[in-house]
Amino acid sequence: ARPRPDPLAVTDAAIRARIVQTCGARGPDKTCCPSDIARGLAEDWRALMPRVRAQAGYLAHEGRIEIRQNGQAVDIATARGPIRLALADH
C-alpha cells in the first residue's frame, strides 16, 4: 500500500471528487460518513474532517449531494453532530 499524503497536501478538488465518487459508488439510496472520505485521503484523517465538511457543504450548495441527519436533508451551516452524505435526489 502506498502512503497517503499529508492532510495539508490534499486539495479541495480532490476532497470533492472523493465525496462524489464515494456517494456514487454507494448508490442513490445509501449514505456515507464524512470520515470515510477523510480516511481514504490522508493518514491523519481527523485533521482533514473540517475540510471534508466544508467541501460537502459546497457540493450540497451546488445540488450534487445532500447532507443528512436522521435520514433528513439538513443545512451544513446549522447541522450539529454526525452527518451523512448522499447523492442528491434528481
C-alpha atoms as a PDB file:
ATOM      1  CA  ALA A   1       0.000   0.000   0.000  1.00  0.00           C
ATOM      2  CA  ARG A   2       1.269   3.418  -0.861  1.00  0.00           C
ATOM      3  CA  PRO A   3       1.428   6.022   1.890  1.00  0.00           C
ATOM      4  CA  ARG A   4      -1.388   8.540   1.855  1.00  0.00           C
ATOM      5  CA  PRO A   5      -0.435  12.211   1.672  1.00  0.00           C
ATOM      6  CA  ASP A   6      -0.278  14.709   4.484  1.00  0.00           C
ATOM      7  CA  PRO A   7      -3.724  16.272   5.030  1.00  0.00           C
ATOM      8  CA  LEU A   8      -2.338  19.679   4.042  1.00  0.00           C
ATOM      9  CA  ALA A   9      -1.306  18.277   0.652  1.00  0.00           C
ATOM     10  CA  VAL A  10      -4.849  17.148  -0.194  1.00  0.00           C
ATOM     11  CA  THR A  11      -6.609  19.663  -2.452  1.00  0.00           C
ATOM     12  CA  ASP A  12     -10.204  20.773  -2.067  1.00  0.00           C
ATOM     13  CA  ALA A  13     -10.844  19.452  -5.583  1.00  0.00           C
ATOM     14  CA  ALA A  14      -9.560  16.016  -4.505  1.00  0.00           C
ATOM     15  CA  ILE A  15     -11.879  16.082  -1.496  1.00  0.00           C
ATOM     16  CA  ARG A  16     -14.891  16.994  -3.650  1.00  0.00           C
ATOM     17  CA  ALA A  17     -14.006  14.303  -6.200  1.00  0.00           C
ATOM     18  CA  ARG A  18     -13.733  11.659  -3.458  1.00  0.00           C
ATOM     19  CA  ILE A  19     -17.082  12.697  -1.963  1.00  0.00           C
ATOM     20  CA  VAL A  20     -18.862  12.405  -5.320  1.00  0.00           C
ATOM     21  CA  GLN A  21     -17.068   9.143  -6.143  1.00  0.00           C
ATOM     22  CA  THR A  22     -17.873   7.551  -2.774  1.00  0.00           C
ATOM     23  CA  CYS A  23     -21.521   8.665  -2.785  1.00  0.00           C
ATOM     24  CA  GLY A  24     -21.879   7.421  -6.371  1.00  0.00           C
ATOM     25  CA  ALA A  25     -20.358   4.055  -5.512  1.00  0.00           C
ATOM     26  CA  ARG A  26     -22.806   3.645  -2.613  1.00  0.00           C
ATOM     27  CA  GLY A  27     -25.805   4.249  -4.869  1.00  0.00           C
ATOM     28  CA  PRO A  28     -28.820   6.527  -4.805  1.00  0.00           C
ATOM     29  CA  ASP A  29     -30.434   5.282  -1.588  1.00  0.00           C
ATOM     30  CA  LYS A  30     -27.285   4.920   0.526  1.00  0.00           C
ATOM     31  CA  THR A  31     -25.180   7.357   2.528  1.00  0.00           C
ATOM     32  CA  CYS A  32     -21.569   7.572   3.628  1.00  0.00           C
ATOM     33  CA  CYS A  33     -19.844   9.099   6.598  1.00  0.00           C
ATOM     34  CA  PRO A  34     -17.528  12.074   6.010  1.00  0.00           C
ATOM     35  CA  SER A  35     -14.842  10.153   7.913  1.00  0.00           C
ATOM     36  CA  ASP A  36     -14.920   7.522   5.122  1.00  0.00           C
ATOM     37  CA  ILE A  37     -13.846  10.293   2.744  1.00  0.00           C
ATOM     38  CA  ALA A  38     -11.115  11.612   5.040  1.00  0.00           C
ATOM     39  CA  ARG A  39      -9.754   8.135   5.837  1.00  0.00           C
ATOM     40  CA  GLY A  40      -9.311   7.443   2.126  1.00  0.00           C
ATOM     41  CA  LEU A  41      -7.347  10.626   1.543  1.00  0.00           C
ATOM     42  CA  ALA A  42      -4.886  11.035   4.416  1.00  0.00           C
ATOM     43  CA  GLU A  43      -3.205   9.050   7.151  1.00  0.00           C
ATOM     44  CA  ASP A  44      -4.033  11.809   9.645  1.00  0.00           C
ATOM     45  CA  TRP A  45      -7.679  11.797   8.583  1.00  0.00           C
ATOM     46  CA  ARG A  46      -9.029  13.631  11.632  1.00  0.00           C
ATOM     47  CA  ALA A  47      -7.139  16.769  10.594  1.00  0.00           C
ATOM     48  CA  LEU A  48      -8.985  16.614   7.269  1.00  0.00           C
ATOM     49  CA  MET A  49     -12.515  16.427   8.724  1.00  0.00           C
ATOM     50  CA  PRO A  50     -13.290  20.184   8.839  1.00  0.00           C
ATOM     51  CA  ARG A  51     -12.299  20.490   5.187  1.00  0.00           C
ATOM     52  CA  VAL A  52     -14.375  17.430   4.223  1.00  0.00           C
ATOM     53  CA  ARG A  53     -17.416  19.002   5.903  1.00  0.00           C
ATOM     54  CA  ALA A  54     -16.727  22.319   4.155  1.00  0.00           C
ATOM     55  CA  GLN A  55     -16.409  20.702   0.721  1.00  0.00           C
ATOM     56  CA  ALA A  56     -19.540  18.635   1.371  1.00  0.00           C
ATOM     57  CA  GLY A  57     -21.313  21.930   2.036  1.00  0.00           C
ATOM     58  CA  TYR A  58     -20.000  23.290  -1.261  1.00  0.00           C
ATOM     59  CA  LEU A  59     -21.280  20.234  -3.164  1.00  0.00           C
ATOM     60  CA  ALA A  60     -24.643  20.395  -1.370  1.00  0.00           C
ATOM     61  CA  HIS A  61     -24.984  24.065  -2.311  1.00  0.00           C
ATOM     62  CA  GLU A  62     -24.341  23.056  -5.938  1.00  0.00           C
ATOM     63  CA  GLY A  63     -27.080  20.420  -5.640  1.00  0.00           C
ATOM     64  CA  ARG A  64     -24.736  17.484  -6.276  1.00  0.00           C
ATOM     65  CA  ILE A  65     -25.094  15.834  -2.860  1.00  0.00           C
ATOM     66  CA  GLU A  66     -27.332  16.015   0.195  1.00  0.00           C
ATOM     67  CA  ILE A  67     -26.211  16.334   3.767  1.00  0.00           C
ATOM     68  CA  ARG A  68     -28.443  14.284   6.057  1.00  0.00           C
ATOM     69  CA  GLN A  69     -29.111  13.720   9.717  1.00  0.00           C
ATOM     70  CA  ASN A  70     -31.585  11.062  10.783  1.00  0.00           C
ATOM     71  CA  GLY A  71     -32.452  10.490   7.118  1.00  0.00           C
ATOM     72  CA  GLN A  72     -33.487  14.118   6.538  1.00  0.00           C
ATOM     73  CA  ALA A  73     -31.678  16.714   4.424  1.00  0.00           C
ATOM     74  CA  VAL A  74     -30.080  19.416   6.583  1.00  0.00           C
ATOM     75  CA  ASP A  75     -28.096  22.606   6.029  1.00  0.00           C
ATOM     76  CA  ILE A  76     -24.404  22.087   6.790  1.00  0.00           C
ATOM     77  CA  ALA A  77     -24.245  25.601   8.288  1.00  0.00           C
ATOM     78  CA  THR A  78     -26.674  24.681  11.061  1.00  0.00           C
ATOM     79  CA  ALA A  79     -26.083  20.921  11.378  1.00  0.00           C
ATOM     80  CA  ARG A  80     -24.528  19.883  14.664  1.00  0.00           C
ATOM     81  CA  GLY A  81     -23.189  16.424  15.348  1.00  0.00           C
ATOM     82  CA  PRO A  82     -22.825  13.490  12.981  1.00  0.00           C
ATOM     83  CA  ILE A  83     -23.864  13.912   9.368  1.00  0.00           C
ATOM     84  CA  ARG A  84     -24.140  11.568   6.409  1.00  0.00           C
ATOM     85  CA  LEU A  85     -23.541  12.319   2.732  1.00  0.00           C
ATOM     86  CA  ALA A  86     -25.690  11.060  -0.140  1.00  0.00           C
ATOM     87  CA  LEU A  87     -26.217  11.699  -3.820  1.00  0.00           C
ATOM     88  CA  ALA A  88     -28.810  14.405  -4.351  1.00  0.00           C
ATOM     89  CA  ASP A  89     -32.230  13.235  -5.487  1.00  0.00           C
ATOM     90  CA  HIS A  90     -32.724  14.466  -9.042  1.00  0.00           C
END
